[in-house]
Amino acid sequence: EFPKAVTEEMIRNATVVVSLKRNLELPPRIVGPRYDVWDLIDPDAVGLDGVRQTCEQIRIRVTGLLKSLGVAQG
């Protein structure tokens, strides 16, 4: 896939807005959604092992996020 622009409409409809890196440009903060910054390693900057580690960190954090929101997994 490829990066997609985040719109104000997307944020207005979100419960949580997650940025994978600090200082990424997002539309102005909108009251309502929770904002999290995970600050993960850029997969383009590391080898295959680094990509795997980043993927694992995303999996762990998404699982934790879903649990914190009370979303059933399965």
N, C-alpha and C. Protein backbone atom coordinates (compact mmCIF):
# COMPACT_ATOMS: atom_id res chain seq x y z
N GLU A 1 0.84 -1.18 0.00
CA GLU A 1 0.00 0.00 0.00
C GLU A 1 0.89 1.25 0.00
N PHE A 2 0.26 2.37 0.17
CA PHE A 2 0.97 3.64 0.18
C PHE A 2 0.32 4.56 1.21
N PRO A 3 1.07 5.55 1.71
CA PRO A 3 0.48 6.47 2.69
C PRO A 3 -0.71 7.22 2.09
N LYS A 4 -1.69 7.44 2.92
CA LYS A 4 -2.88 8.17 2.49
C LYS A 4 -3.04 9.41 3.37
N ALA A 5 -3.50 10.48 2.77
CA ALA A 5 -3.71 11.72 3.51
C ALA A 5 -4.81 11.54 4.55
N VAL A 6 -4.60 12.12 5.70
CA VAL A 6 -5.61 12.11 6.76
C VAL A 6 -6.43 13.38 6.63
N THR A 7 -7.73 13.23 6.60
CA THR A 7 -8.62 14.39 6.44
C THR A 7 -9.29 14.73 7.76
N GLU A 8 -9.80 15.94 7.84
CA GLU A 8 -10.54 16.35 9.04
C GLU A 8 -11.77 15.47 9.22
N GLU A 9 -12.42 15.07 8.13
CA GLU A 9 -13.59 14.19 8.23
C GLU A 9 -13.23 12.86 8.87
N MET A 10 -12.08 12.30 8.50
CA MET A 10 -11.64 11.03 9.10
C MET A 10 -11.48 11.19 10.61
N ILE A 11 -10.86 12.29 11.00
CA ILE A 11 -10.61 12.52 12.43
C ILE A 11 -11.92 12.76 13.18
N ARG A 12 -12.83 13.50 12.59
CA ARG A 12 -14.13 13.74 13.24
C ARG A 12 -14.88 12.43 13.49
N ASN A 13 -14.68 11.45 12.63
CA ASN A 13 -15.37 10.17 12.76
C ASN A 13 -14.58 9.14 13.56
N ALA A 14 -13.43 9.52 14.08
CA ALA A 14 -12.56 8.58 14.78
C ALA A 14 -12.79 8.61 16.29
N THR A 15 -12.53 7.47 16.91
CA THR A 15 -12.49 7.39 18.37
C THR A 15 -11.07 7.66 18.85
N VAL A 16 -10.10 7.12 18.11
CA VAL A 16 -8.68 7.29 18.43
C VAL A 16 -7.94 7.63 17.15
N VAL A 17 -7.03 8.59 17.24
CA VAL A 17 -6.14 8.94 16.14
C VAL A 17 -4.74 8.52 16.56
N VAL A 18 -4.14 7.62 15.79
CA VAL A 18 -2.80 7.11 16.12
C VAL A 18 -1.82 7.60 15.07
N SER A 19 -0.77 8.25 15.54
CA SER A 19 0.33 8.66 14.67
C SER A 19 1.47 7.68 14.95
N LEU A 20 2.07 7.14 13.91
CA LEU A 20 3.16 6.17 14.09
C LEU A 20 4.50 6.86 14.27
N LYS A 21 4.54 8.16 14.15
CA LYS A 21 5.79 8.90 14.28
C LYS A 21 5.49 10.29 14.83
N ARG A 22 6.37 10.78 15.67
CA ARG A 22 6.21 12.14 16.19
C ARG A 22 6.35 13.14 15.04
N ASN A 23 5.72 14.27 15.20
CA ASN A 23 5.84 15.39 14.27
C ASN A 23 5.29 15.12 12.88
N LEU A 24 4.43 14.12 12.73
CA LEU A 24 3.77 13.94 11.44
C LEU A 24 2.71 15.02 11.29
N GLU A 25 2.54 15.49 10.09
CA GLU A 25 1.52 16.50 9.86
C GLU A 25 0.14 15.87 9.87
N LEU A 26 -0.70 16.37 10.75
CA LEU A 26 -2.10 15.96 10.81
C LEU A 26 -2.95 17.22 10.73
N PRO A 27 -4.18 17.08 10.32
CA PRO A 27 -5.06 18.25 10.37
C PRO A 27 -5.11 18.79 11.80
N PRO A 28 -5.55 20.02 11.98
CA PRO A 28 -5.63 20.59 13.33
C PRO A 28 -6.39 19.67 14.28
N ARG A 29 -5.97 19.69 15.55
CA ARG A 29 -6.65 18.85 16.54
C ARG A 29 -8.12 19.19 16.61
N ILE A 30 -8.89 18.15 16.68
CA ILE A 30 -10.34 18.27 16.78
C ILE A 30 -10.74 17.68 18.12
N VAL A 31 -11.60 18.34 18.84
CA VAL A 31 -12.05 17.85 20.14
C VAL A 31 -12.86 16.58 19.92
N GLY A 32 -12.60 15.57 20.70
CA GLY A 32 -13.37 14.33 20.63
C GLY A 32 -12.50 13.10 20.61
N PRO A 33 -11.74 12.89 19.54
CA PRO A 33 -10.95 11.67 19.50
C PRO A 33 -9.76 11.73 20.47
N ARG A 34 -9.34 10.57 20.87
CA ARG A 34 -8.12 10.42 21.66
C ARG A 34 -6.95 10.41 20.67
N TYR A 35 -5.85 11.08 21.02
CA TYR A 35 -4.67 11.14 20.17
C TYR A 35 -3.53 10.36 20.83
N ASP A 36 -2.98 9.38 20.12
CA ASP A 36 -1.84 8.60 20.61
C ASP A 36 -0.69 8.75 19.60
N VAL A 37 0.53 8.82 20.13
CA VAL A 37 1.73 8.80 19.28
C VAL A 37 2.53 7.57 19.69
N TRP A 38 2.76 6.67 18.74
CA TRP A 38 3.49 5.44 19.04
C TRP A 38 4.97 5.56 18.73
N ASP A 39 5.39 6.51 17.91
CA ASP A 39 6.79 6.79 17.60
C ASP A 39 7.59 5.52 17.29
N LEU A 40 7.20 4.83 16.25
CA LEU A 40 7.85 3.58 15.84
C LEU A 40 8.99 3.84 14.86
N ILE A 41 9.87 2.88 14.75
CA ILE A 41 10.98 2.95 13.80
C ILE A 41 10.41 2.91 12.38
N ASP A 42 10.93 3.76 11.52
CA ASP A 42 10.51 3.80 10.12
C ASP A 42 11.03 2.55 9.41
N PRO A 43 10.15 1.69 8.91
CA PRO A 43 10.61 0.46 8.26
C PRO A 43 11.53 0.70 7.07
N ASP A 44 11.42 1.85 6.42
CA ASP A 44 12.30 2.15 5.29
C ASP A 44 13.75 2.34 5.73
N ALA A 45 13.96 2.62 7.02
CA ALA A 45 15.29 2.93 7.53
C ALA A 45 16.01 1.71 8.10
N VAL A 46 15.36 0.55 8.10
CA VAL A 46 15.95 -0.63 8.72
C VAL A 46 15.83 -1.83 7.78
N GLY A 47 16.56 -2.88 8.09
CA GLY A 47 16.48 -4.10 7.30
C GLY A 47 15.24 -4.91 7.64
N LEU A 48 15.20 -6.11 7.11
CA LEU A 48 14.04 -6.99 7.27
C LEU A 48 13.75 -7.27 8.74
N ASP A 49 14.78 -7.48 9.56
CA ASP A 49 14.54 -7.73 10.99
C ASP A 49 13.88 -6.53 11.66
N GLY A 50 14.29 -5.32 11.27
CA GLY A 50 13.68 -4.12 11.81
C GLY A 50 12.23 -3.99 11.40
N VAL A 51 11.94 -4.36 10.16
CA VAL A 51 10.55 -4.33 9.68
C VAL A 51 9.71 -5.31 10.50
N ARG A 52 10.25 -6.49 10.73
CA ARG A 52 9.52 -7.48 11.54
C ARG A 52 9.27 -6.97 12.95
N GLN A 53 10.26 -6.30 13.53
CA GLN A 53 10.11 -5.76 14.89
C GLN A 53 9.03 -4.67 14.90
N THR A 54 9.04 -3.81 13.88
CA THR A 54 8.02 -2.76 13.79
C THR A 54 6.64 -3.37 13.65
N CYS A 55 6.51 -4.38 12.80
CA CYS A 55 5.21 -5.06 12.63
C CYS A 55 4.74 -5.67 13.94
N GLU A 56 5.64 -6.27 14.68
CA GLU A 56 5.29 -6.88 15.97
C GLU A 56 4.86 -5.80 16.96
N GLN A 57 5.56 -4.67 16.98
CA GLN A 57 5.17 -3.58 17.88
C GLN A 57 3.78 -3.05 17.52
N ILE A 58 3.48 -2.93 16.24
CA ILE A 58 2.16 -2.48 15.81
C ILE A 58 1.10 -3.48 16.26
N ARG A 59 1.36 -4.78 16.07
CA ARG A 59 0.41 -5.81 16.48
C ARG A 59 0.12 -5.72 17.99
N ILE A 60 1.18 -5.60 18.78
CA ILE A 60 1.03 -5.52 20.24
C ILE A 60 0.23 -4.27 20.63
N ARG A 61 0.56 -3.15 20.02
CA ARG A 61 -0.11 -1.89 20.38
C ARG A 61 -1.57 -1.87 19.92
N VAL A 62 -1.84 -2.42 18.74
CA VAL A 62 -3.24 -2.48 18.28
C VAL A 62 -4.05 -3.37 19.20
N THR A 63 -3.48 -4.51 19.60
CA THR A 63 -4.16 -5.40 20.53
C THR A 63 -4.47 -4.68 21.84
N GLY A 64 -3.48 -3.95 22.37
CA GLY A 64 -3.69 -3.19 23.61
C GLY A 64 -4.72 -2.09 23.43
N LEU A 65 -4.69 -1.41 22.30
CA LEU A 65 -5.65 -0.35 22.02
C LEU A 65 -7.07 -0.90 21.96
N LEU A 66 -7.24 -2.00 21.24
CA LEU A 66 -8.57 -2.61 21.16
C LEU A 66 -9.07 -3.04 22.53
N LYS A 67 -8.17 -3.61 23.33
CA LYS A 67 -8.55 -4.02 24.70
C LYS A 67 -8.97 -2.81 25.53
N SER A 68 -8.20 -1.69 25.42
CA SER A 68 -8.52 -0.49 26.20
C SER A 68 -9.86 0.12 25.78
N LEU A 69 -10.26 -0.12 24.53
CA LEU A 69 -11.54 0.39 24.03
C LEU A 69 -12.69 -0.58 24.27
N GLY A 70 -12.38 -1.76 24.82
CA GLY A 70 -13.42 -2.75 25.08
C GLY A 70 -13.92 -3.42 23.83
N VAL A 71 -13.06 -3.50 22.80
CA VAL A 71 -13.45 -4.12 21.54
C VAL A 71 -13.09 -5.58 21.58
N ALA A 72 -14.06 -6.45 21.32
CA ALA A 72 -13.82 -7.90 21.31
C ALA A 72 -12.89 -8.25 20.16
N GLN A 73 -11.97 -9.15 20.44
CA GLN A 73 -11.04 -9.61 19.41
C GLN A 73 -11.33 -11.06 19.10
N GLY A 74 -11.08 -11.43 17.89
CA GLY A 74 -11.28 -12.85 17.60
C GLY A 74 -11.45 -13.05 16.19
